[in-house]
Structure formats: structure tokens, C-alpha cells
C-alpha atoms as a PDB file:
ATOM      1  CA  UNK A   1     110.406 101.633 116.558  1.00  0.00           C
ATOM      2  CA  UNK A   2     107.585 101.546 114.276  1.00  0.00           C
ATOM      3  CA  UNK A   3     108.048  99.595 110.934  1.00  0.00           C
ATOM      4  CA  UNK A   4     104.900 101.002 108.416  1.00  0.00           C
ATOM      5  CA  UNK A   5     106.171  99.576 105.166  1.00  0.00           C
ATOM      6  CA  UNK A   6     108.587  96.707 103.974  1.00  0.00           C
ATOM      7  CA  UNK A   7     109.614  97.103 100.188  1.00  0.00           C
ATOM      8  CA  UNK A   8     111.216  93.382  99.129  1.00  0.00           C
ATOM      9  CA  UNK A   9     113.900  94.277  96.412  1.00  0.00           C
ATOM     10  CA  UNK A  10     114.604  90.620  95.758  1.00  0.00           C
ATOM     11  CA  UNK A  11     113.927  86.889  96.749  1.00  0.00           C
ATOM     12  CA  UNK A  12     116.415  84.185  96.019  1.00  0.00           C
ATOM     13  CA  UNK A  13     117.146  80.644  96.770  1.00  0.00           C
ATOM     14  CA  UNK A  14     119.543  80.110  99.571  1.00  0.00           C
ATOM     15  CA  UNK A  15     121.588  77.017 100.641  1.00  0.00           C
ATOM     16  CA  UNK A  16     119.950  74.723 103.052  1.00  0.00           C
ATOM     17  CA  UNK A  17     116.383  74.789 101.718  1.00  0.00           C
ATOM     18  CA  UNK A  18     116.497  79.084 102.790  1.00  0.00           C
ATOM     19  CA  UNK A  19     115.610  82.009 100.656  1.00  0.00           C
ATOM     20  CA  UNK A  20     117.166  85.437 101.088  1.00  0.00           C
ATOM     21  CA  UNK A  21     115.076  88.412 101.052  1.00  0.00           C
ATOM     22  CA  UNK A  22     116.482  92.058 100.780  1.00  0.00           C
ATOM     23  CA  UNK A  23     114.854  95.084 100.390  1.00  0.00           C
ATOM     24  CA  UNK A  24     114.127  98.203 102.396  1.00  0.00           C
ATOM     25  CA  UNK A  25     112.246  98.716 105.907  1.00  0.00           C
ATOM     26  CA  UNK A  26     110.417 102.004 106.571  1.00  0.00           C
ATOM     27  CA  UNK A  27     110.190 102.968 109.712  1.00  0.00           C
ATOM     28  CA  UNK A  28     108.493 106.211 111.447  1.00  0.00           C
ATOM     29  CA  UNK A  29     109.072 106.884 115.567  1.00  0.00           C
ATOM     30  CA  UNK A  30     107.882 109.442 117.801  1.00  0.00           C
ATOM     31  CA  UNK A  31     110.205 111.538 119.317  1.00  0.00           C
ATOM     32  CA  UNK A  32     108.388 111.754 122.636  1.00  0.00           C
ATOM     33  CA  UNK A  33     108.120 108.158 123.514  1.00  0.00           C
ATOM     34  CA  UNK A  34     110.204 107.530 126.524  1.00  0.00           C
ATOM     35  CA  UNK A  35     112.286 104.926 124.253  1.00  0.00           C
ATOM     36  CA  UNK A  36     113.183 107.343 122.095  1.00  0.00           C
ATOM     37  CA  UNK A  37     114.127 110.016 124.473  1.00  0.00           C
ATOM     38  CA  UNK A  38     117.777 109.061 124.535  1.00  0.00           C
ATOM     39  CA  UNK A  39     118.294 109.425 120.504  1.00  0.00           C
ATOM     40  CA  UNK A  40     120.286 112.610 120.217  1.00  0.00           C
ATOM     41  CA  UNK A  41     118.506 115.443 118.252  1.00  0.00           C
ATOM     42  CA  UNK A  42     115.756 113.385 117.003  1.00  0.00           C
ATOM     43  CA  UNK A  43     113.217 115.752 118.496  1.00  0.00           C
ATOM     44  CA  UNK A  44     114.914 118.213 115.964  1.00  0.00           C
ATOM     45  CA  UNK A  45     114.447 116.020 112.637  1.00  0.00           C
ATOM     46  CA  UNK A  46     111.473 117.120 110.569  1.00  0.00           C
ATOM     47  CA  UNK A  47     108.300 114.902 111.158  1.00  0.00           C
ATOM     48  CA  UNK A  48     105.456 114.026 108.785  1.00  0.00           C
ATOM     49  CA  UNK A  49     101.954 114.849 109.380  1.00  0.00           C
ATOM     50  CA  UNK A  50     101.337 112.259 111.847  1.00  0.00           C
ATOM     51  CA  UNK A  51     103.690 113.293 114.227  1.00  0.00           C
ATOM     52  CA  UNK A  52     106.351 110.921 113.717  1.00  0.00           C
ATOM     53  CA  UNK A  53     109.869 111.132 111.869  1.00  0.00           C
ATOM     54  CA  UNK A  54     110.261 108.636 109.140  1.00  0.00           C
ATOM     55  CA  UNK A  55     113.599 106.867 107.971  1.00  0.00           C
ATOM     56  CA  UNK A  56     114.465 104.071 106.231  1.00  0.00           C
ATOM     57  CA  UNK A  57     117.293 101.324 106.327  1.00  0.00           C
ATOM     58  CA  UNK A  58     118.616  98.309 103.985  1.00  0.00           C
ATOM     59  CA  UNK A  59     117.402  94.802 105.190  1.00  0.00           C
ATOM     60  CA  UNK A  60     118.596  91.319 104.732  1.00  0.00           C
ATOM     61  CA  UNK A  61     116.534  88.254 105.970  1.00  0.00           C
ATOM     62  CA  UNK A  62     117.852  84.744 105.781  1.00  0.00           C
ATOM     63  CA  UNK A  63     114.970  82.491 106.561  1.00  0.00           C
ATOM     64  CA  UNK A  64     113.583  78.483 105.757  1.00  0.00           C
ATOM     65  CA  UNK A  65     111.368  78.535 102.757  1.00  0.00           C
ATOM     66  CA  UNK A  66     108.996  76.630 104.260  1.00  0.00           C
ATOM     67  CA  UNK A  67     108.288  78.414 107.731  1.00  0.00           C
ATOM     68  CA  UNK A  68     107.557  74.849 109.236  1.00  0.00           C
ATOM     69  CA  UNK A  69     111.196  73.983 109.432  1.00  0.00           C
ATOM     70  CA  UNK A  70     112.146  77.270 111.470  1.00  0.00           C
ATOM     71  CA  UNK A  71     112.708  76.921 115.144  1.00  0.00           C
ATOM     72  CA  UNK A  72     111.026  80.375 115.957  1.00  0.00           C
ATOM     73  CA  UNK A  73     114.236  81.882 116.925  1.00  0.00           C
ATOM     74  CA  UNK A  74     115.143  85.265 115.036  1.00  0.00           C
ATOM     75  CA  UNK A  75     119.227  86.114 115.359  1.00  0.00           C
ATOM     76  CA  UNK A  76     119.227  90.070 114.497  1.00  0.00           C
ATOM     77  CA  UNK A  77     122.853  90.786 113.658  1.00  0.00           C
ATOM     78  CA  UNK A  78     123.811  94.519 113.971  1.00  0.00           C
ATOM     79  CA  UNK A  79     126.142  95.197 110.112  1.00  0.00           C
ATOM     80  CA  UNK A  80     129.959  96.085 111.405  1.00  0.00           C
ATOM     81  CA  UNK A  81     130.480  98.988 108.881  1.00  0.00           C
ATOM     82  CA  UNK A  82     127.398  97.502 106.792  1.00  0.00           C
ATOM     83  CA  UNK A  83     129.024  94.490 106.323  1.00  0.00           C
ATOM     84  CA  UNK A  84     127.286  91.142 107.481  1.00  0.00           C
ATOM     85  CA  UNK A  85     129.078  89.314 109.900  1.00  0.00           C
ATOM     86  CA  UNK A  86     126.908  87.098 111.772  1.00  0.00           C
ATOM     87  CA  UNK A  87     126.869  83.769 110.033  1.00  0.00           C
ATOM     88  CA  UNK A  88     130.527  83.620 108.979  1.00  0.00           C
ATOM     89  CA  UNK A  89     131.044  83.966 112.845  1.00  0.00           C
ATOM     90  CA  UNK A  90     128.795  81.196 113.846  1.00  0.00           C
ATOM     91  CA  UNK A  91     129.139  79.202 110.811  1.00  0.00           C
ATOM     92  CA  UNK A  92     132.628  79.320 110.593  1.00  0.00           C
ATOM     93  CA  UNK A  93     132.863  79.884 107.175  1.00  0.00           C
ATOM     94  CA  UNK A  94     136.271  81.798 106.126  1.00  0.00           C
ATOM     95  CA  UNK A  95     136.652  85.431 105.775  1.00  0.00           C
ATOM     96  CA  UNK A  96     136.428  87.825 102.782  1.00  0.00           C
ATOM     97  CA  UNK A  97     139.686  89.387 102.009  1.00  0.00           C
ATOM     98  CA  UNK A  98     137.127  92.262 100.083  1.00  0.00           C
ATOM     99  CA  UNK A  99     133.479  92.227 100.749  1.00  0.00           C
ATOM    100  CA  UNK A 100     131.145  91.072  98.502  1.00  0.00           C
ATOM    101  CA  UNK A 101     127.109  90.545  98.227  1.00  0.00           C
ATOM    102  CA  UNK A 102     127.492  87.000  99.077  1.00  0.00           C
ATOM    103  CA  UNK A 103     126.672  85.265 102.330  1.00  0.00           C
ATOM    104  CA  UNK A 104     128.963  82.096 102.925  1.00  0.00           C
ATOM    105  CA  UNK A 105     126.679  79.668 104.452  1.00  0.00           C
ATOM    106  CA  UNK A 106     129.787  78.241 106.063  1.00  0.00           C
ATOM    107  CA  UNK A 107     128.994  74.701 107.868  1.00  0.00           C
ATOM    108  CA  UNK A 108     125.335  75.207 108.096  1.00  0.00           C
ATOM    109  CA  UNK A 109     125.083  75.508 111.702  1.00  0.00           C
ATOM    110  CA  UNK A 110     122.264  78.158 112.197  1.00  0.00           C
ATOM    111  CA  UNK A 111     120.069  77.027 109.378  1.00  0.00           C
ATOM    112  CA  UNK A 112     120.902  73.150 110.189  1.00  0.00           C
ATOM    113  CA  UNK A 113     118.738  74.404 113.414  1.00  0.00           C
ATOM    114  CA  UNK A 114     116.116  76.482 111.921  1.00  0.00           C
ATOM    115  CA  UNK A 115     117.212  79.766 112.526  1.00  0.00           C
ATOM    116  CA  UNK A 116     116.347  83.276 110.833  1.00  0.00           C
ATOM    117  CA  UNK A 117     118.943  85.783 110.615  1.00  0.00           C
ATOM    118  CA  UNK A 118     118.248  89.167 110.106  1.00  0.00           C
ATOM    119  CA  UNK A 119     120.210  92.527 109.141  1.00  0.00           C
ATOM    120  CA  UNK A 120     119.178  96.004 109.028  1.00  0.00           C
ATOM    121  CA  UNK A 121     121.296  98.983 108.046  1.00  0.00           C
ATOM    122  CA  UNK A 122     121.847 101.797 111.099  1.00  0.00           C
ATOM    123  CA  UNK A 123     124.447 103.829 109.786  1.00  0.00           C
ATOM    124  CA  UNK A 124     124.183 107.479 107.975  1.00  0.00           C
ATOM    125  CA  UNK A 125     127.574 107.215 106.680  1.00  0.00           C
ATOM    126  CA  UNK A 126     127.928 103.809 105.425  1.00  0.00           C
ATOM    127  CA  UNK A 127     128.655 104.135 101.782  1.00  0.00           C
ATOM    128  CA  UNK A 128     125.774 101.684 100.597  1.00  0.00           C
ATOM    129  CA  UNK A 129     125.856  99.220  97.972  1.00  0.00           C
ATOM    130  CA  UNK A 130     125.114  95.537  97.120  1.00  0.00           C
ATOM    131  CA  UNK A 131     127.686  94.809  99.592  1.00  0.00           C
ATOM    132  CA  UNK A 132     127.053  97.564 102.142  1.00  0.00           C
ATOM    133  CA  UNK A 133     124.061  98.143 104.112  1.00  0.00           C
ATOM    134  CA  UNK A 134     123.157 101.913 105.914  1.00  0.00           C
ATOM    135  CA  UNK A 135     120.524 103.917 106.346  1.00  0.00           C
ATOM    136  CA  UNK A 136     118.387 106.814 105.077  1.00  0.00           C
ATOM    137  CA  UNK A 137     118.575 109.206 108.006  1.00  0.00           C
ATOM    138  CA  UNK A 138     116.710 112.493 108.646  1.00  0.00           C
ATOM    139  CA  UNK A 139     118.750 115.818 109.425  1.00  0.00           C
ATOM    140  CA  UNK A 140     118.319 117.669 112.581  1.00  0.00           C
ATOM    141  CA  UNK A 141     117.464 121.141 112.018  1.00  0.00           C
ATOM    142  CA  UNK A 142     117.523 124.453 113.746  1.00  0.00           C
ATOM    143  CA  UNK A 143     115.552 127.348 112.873  1.00  0.00           C
ATOM    144  CA  UNK A 144     114.811 126.081 109.447  1.00  0.00           C
ATOM    145  CA  UNK A 145     118.492 124.939 109.095  1.00  0.00           C
ATOM    146  CA  UNK A 146     120.747 121.902 109.520  1.00  0.00           C
ATOM    147  CA  UNK A 147     122.167 121.987 112.720  1.00  0.00           C
ATOM    148  CA  UNK A 148     126.112 123.171 112.680  1.00  0.00           C
ATOM    149  CA  UNK A 149     128.581 122.396 115.791  1.00  0.00           C
ATOM    150  CA  UNK A 150     132.199 120.936 116.217  1.00  0.00           C
ATOM    151  CA  UNK A 151     132.860 117.530 115.377  1.00  0.00           C
ATOM    152  CA  UNK A 152     135.565 115.271 116.020  1.00  0.00           C
ATOM    153  CA  UNK A 153     137.302 112.811 113.149  1.00  0.00           C
ATOM    154  CA  UNK A 154     140.245 110.525 113.585  1.00  0.00           C
ATOM    155  CA  UNK A 155     143.067 109.348 110.671  1.00  0.00           C
ATOM    156  CA  UNK A 156     144.893 106.705 111.051  1.00  0.00           C
ATOM    157  CA  UNK A 157     146.918 106.386 107.347  1.00  0.00           C
ATOM    158  CA  UNK A 158     149.349 103.083 106.821  1.00  0.00           C
ATOM    159  CA  UNK A 159     150.903 105.141 104.476  1.00  0.00           C
ATOM    160  CA  UNK A 160     151.818 108.807 103.295  1.00  0.00           C
ATOM    161  CA  UNK A 161     148.823 110.327 102.093  1.00  0.00           C
ATOM    162  CA  UNK A 162     148.522 114.116 100.348  1.00  0.00           C
ATOM    163  CA  UNK A 163     144.634 114.273 101.380  1.00  0.00           C
ATOM    164  CA  UNK A 164     142.124 111.955 103.628  1.00  0.00           C
ATOM    165  CA  UNK A 165     138.210 111.976 104.159  1.00  0.00           C
ATOM    166  CA  UNK A 166     136.867 113.673 106.495  1.00  0.00           C
ATOM    167  CA  UNK A 167     134.950 110.499 107.456  1.00  0.00           C
ATOM    168  CA  UNK A 168     135.618 106.914 109.334  1.00  0.00           C
ATOM    169  CA  UNK A 169     137.818 105.509 106.642  1.00  0.00           C
ATOM    170  CA  UNK A 170     136.231 105.650 103.276  1.00  0.00           C
ATOM    171  CA  UNK A 171     132.382 106.248 104.735  1.00  0.00           C
ATOM    172  CA  UNK A 172     130.569 109.411 103.504  1.00  0.00           C
ATOM    173  CA  UNK A 173     132.081 112.761 104.739  1.00  0.00           C
ATOM    174  CA  UNK A 174     131.081 115.158 107.463  1.00  0.00           C
ATOM    175  CA  UNK A 175     129.969 118.295 105.314  1.00  0.00           C
ATOM    176  CA  UNK A 176     132.116 121.227 106.689  1.00  0.00           C
ATOM    177  CA  UNK A 177     129.961 123.958 107.284  1.00  0.00           C
ATOM    178  CA  UNK A 178     132.685 126.289 105.963  1.00  0.00           C
ATOM    179  CA  UNK A 179     135.629 125.016 104.386  1.00  0.00           C
ATOM    180  CA  UNK A 180     137.873 128.088 105.376  1.00  0.00           C
ATOM    181  CA  UNK A 181     136.880 128.322 108.894  1.00  0.00           C
ATOM    182  CA  UNK A 182     139.803 129.742 110.697  1.00  0.00           C
ATOM    183  CA  UNK A 183     139.480 128.501 114.083  1.00  0.00           C
ATOM    184  CA  UNK A 184     139.026 124.727 112.733  1.00  0.00           C
ATOM    185  CA  UNK A 185     141.950 122.675 114.564  1.00  0.00           C
ATOM    186  CA  UNK A 186     144.555 119.880 113.164  1.00  0.00           C
ATOM    187  CA  UNK A 187     146.513 117.567 115.709  1.00  0.00           C
ATOM    188  CA  UNK A 188     148.956 114.816 115.191  1.00  0.00           C
ATOM    189  CA  UNK A 189     150.443 111.933 117.522  1.00  0.00           C
ATOM    190  CA  UNK A 190     152.967 109.627 117.376  1.00  0.00           C
ATOM    191  CA  UNK A 191     150.778 106.861 118.686  1.00  0.00           C
ATOM    192  CA  UNK A 192     147.463 106.176 120.293  1.00  0.00           C
ATOM    193  CA  UNK A 193     146.549 108.345 122.769  1.00  0.00           C
ATOM    194  CA  UNK A 194     150.090 109.646 122.857  1.00  0.00           C
ATOM    195  CA  UNK A 195     150.690 113.295 123.575  1.00  0.00           C
ATOM    196  CA  UNK A 196     148.890 115.695 120.315  1.00  0.00           C
ATOM    197  CA  UNK A 197     150.773 118.274 119.138  1.00  0.00           C
ATOM    198  CA  UNK A 198     148.817 120.637 116.638  1.00  0.00           C
ATOM    199  CA  UNK A 199     149.500 121.434 113.129  1.00  0.00           C
ATOM    200  CA  UNK A 200     149.953 125.125 112.005  1.00  0.00           C
ATOM    201  CA  UNK A 201     146.681 126.227 110.258  1.00  0.00           C
ATOM    202  CA  UNK A 202     148.305 127.293 107.449  1.00  0.00           C
ATOM    203  CA  UNK A 203     150.188 123.985 106.697  1.00  0.00           C
ATOM    204  CA  UNK A 204     146.391 122.267 105.749  1.00  0.00           C
ATOM    205  CA  UNK A 205     143.058 123.142 104.474  1.00  0.00           C
ATOM    206  CA  UNK A 206     139.346 121.410 103.894  1.00  0.00           C
ATOM    207  CA  UNK A 207     138.514 120.841 100.621  1.00  0.00           C
ATOM    208  CA  UNK A 208     135.017 120.845  99.153  1.00  0.00           C
ATOM    209  CA  UNK A 209     132.868 117.792 100.001  1.00  0.00           C
ATOM    210  CA  UNK A 210     132.497 116.188  96.758  1.00  0.00           C
ATOM    211  CA  UNK A 211     130.119 113.388  97.077  1.00  0.00           C
ATOM    212  CA  UNK A 212     130.791 111.572  93.297  1.00  0.00           C
ATOM    213  CA  UNK A 213     134.294 111.028  94.739  1.00  0.00           C
ATOM    214  CA  UNK A 214     133.844 110.136  98.352  1.00  0.00           C
ATOM    215  CA  UNK A 215     135.441 106.721  97.289  1.00  0.00           C
ATOM    216  CA  UNK A 216     138.462 108.506  95.228  1.00  0.00           C
ATOM    217  CA  UNK A 217     140.749 110.501  97.565  1.00  0.00           C
ATOM    218  CA  UNK A 218     143.474 110.839  95.099  1.00  0.00           C
ATOM    219  CA  UNK A 219     141.249 112.135  92.121  1.00  0.00           C
ATOM    220  CA  UNK A 220     142.585 115.319  90.175  1.00  0.00           C
ATOM    221  CA  UNK A 221     141.007 118.139  89.984  1.00  0.00           C
ATOM    222  CA  UNK A 222     140.235 117.789  86.611  1.00  0.00           C
ATOM    223  CA  UNK A 223     137.706 115.227  87.003  1.00  0.00           C
ATOM    224  CA  UNK A 224     135.283 117.259  89.627  1.00  0.00           C
ATOM    225  CA  UNK A 225     132.501 118.832  88.148  1.00  0.00           C
ATOM    226  CA  UNK A 226     132.962 122.708  86.654  1.00  0.00           C
ATOM    227  CA  UNK A 227     131.126 123.811  90.065  1.00  0.00           C
ATOM    228  CA  UNK A 228     133.179 121.813  92.295  1.00  0.00           C
ATOM    229  CA  UNK A 229     136.415 122.714  90.635  1.00  0.00           C
ATOM    230  CA  UNK A 230     135.690 126.502  90.763  1.00  0.00           C
ATOM    231  CA  UNK A 231     135.155 126.092  94.583  1.00  0.00           C
ATOM    232  CA  UNK A 232     138.657 124.332  95.570  1.00  0.00           C
ATOM    233  CA  UNK A 233     140.586 126.561  93.170  1.00  0.00           C
ATOM    234  CA  UNK A 234     138.846 129.908  95.307  1.00  0.00           C
ATOM    235  CA  UNK A 235     140.731 127.810  98.219  1.00  0.00           C
ATOM    236  CA  UNK A 236     143.835 126.614  96.531  1.00  0.00           C
ATOM    237  CA  UNK A 237     144.545 129.154  93.521  1.00  0.00           C
ATOM    238  CA  UNK A 238     146.767 126.942  91.046  1.00  0.00           C
ATOM    239  CA  UNK A 239     144.882 123.722  91.615  1.00  0.00           C
END
């Protein structure tokens, strides 16, 4: 994995004489490199003039403002659904009921010992914000078109719902290749790993992919752009 550019968006003081640096890290990787061959469909992503695949991700770094205070160690925390959790867990900071941009230093365990802590986004489907970190991943292509294929998405609602995102929780939904696909399947279970039952195809539909409303599962149709309203009403006359 080659870092080609670091774009710093902000640099602010942090607790324990640390500083917090945030921005975007730009990468370019060679699909044929042995370390990258296990990455599914990387060889099908568009390449630059140098033959490498470019992508970018959010990053956040907590480091001593005075490098001499550092212990030379780096903890890289893989974000959990875009959230920064390592400092909270290792520094015994309180949990957040609702995620915020803040990083609570807790009891300062890591910082009093000079550790540098870093996060970088890795999930393409995270709805990126000042709270959640994600990645700008390239699209795998075949014959000049995005690759199409079967995928599985599981829903575990806590209450009755008339619609759900075709996604993991409230992440970016998968784009349906054909919202009217007749052989698409929907199954239901009474408990995890229980026997599944197929739901008749005429009892459910795939709605149009609406990026602007991906965080609002229950938005009324009249709030959608005109073109998206037209698509939905073609699928469901009278909507």
C-alpha cells in the first residue's frame, strides 16, 4: 500500500500536550504486487497512467505536539463502522450513546506514555462526516461497465418498518442493477440462523436508490427529486 499524498484539513491542540491532525490520505497500489493479489477485483479497477489503482481515505492522528515526548510507538485503530474506538477502550473513557466528533482522552493512559494513535477509513459504505470515517473506493469494471452480480443483505429491525435501506444499517445502500428484477429473493427468519421462508415476490419491491435520502428511510415520496419520484411511481402507480 503506497501513500502518495497526505492532505491535512485541520490541526488542533489536544489533551496531554498532544495535537489532533485530520484530513485525507491518498493511495495508489499495483494490483499485480503479491501483497495486493488477495484483494478481490482490484485488478478490475480503473488504473492511472502509472498502472496503479488510486483511492483515498479519511485519516485522524493524535500525536505529541513535541515529537521528543513520543515513545516511537504507533497504534493504528481500524474504525468500527467509521467510529474511533481505541482511545475510549484503552483510556477507559465513557461510551457515547450517540457518536460525536470528539475523542475523549479518558484517563490519559496512552498519552502519558507517549503513544501516537491513528485511524484511517476503510469502508466504502460508511456515510462519511465529521464523525464517521470512510474510504473513496474505485468501482470494479467489466467491459466498460460496473460489475453486476448477486449480493446478500441482512436486516434485523427492532420494530416494524415499511422500508429498509439495502445496506448494513444506515450505510450507503447497494445500487440495484434492476429494481424490477423478477428473480430477486427476500427471505424471513424468526431467529438468527433459523429456517428461512421465502417472501412472495409480489409482496415486496426494491425502491430506487436515492443518495440524498439514504439516512431517511421514512421520507415521503414528494420530498424526492422529480426524476426519482418518476422512477418510483413507474414501479408503484399511485405512490
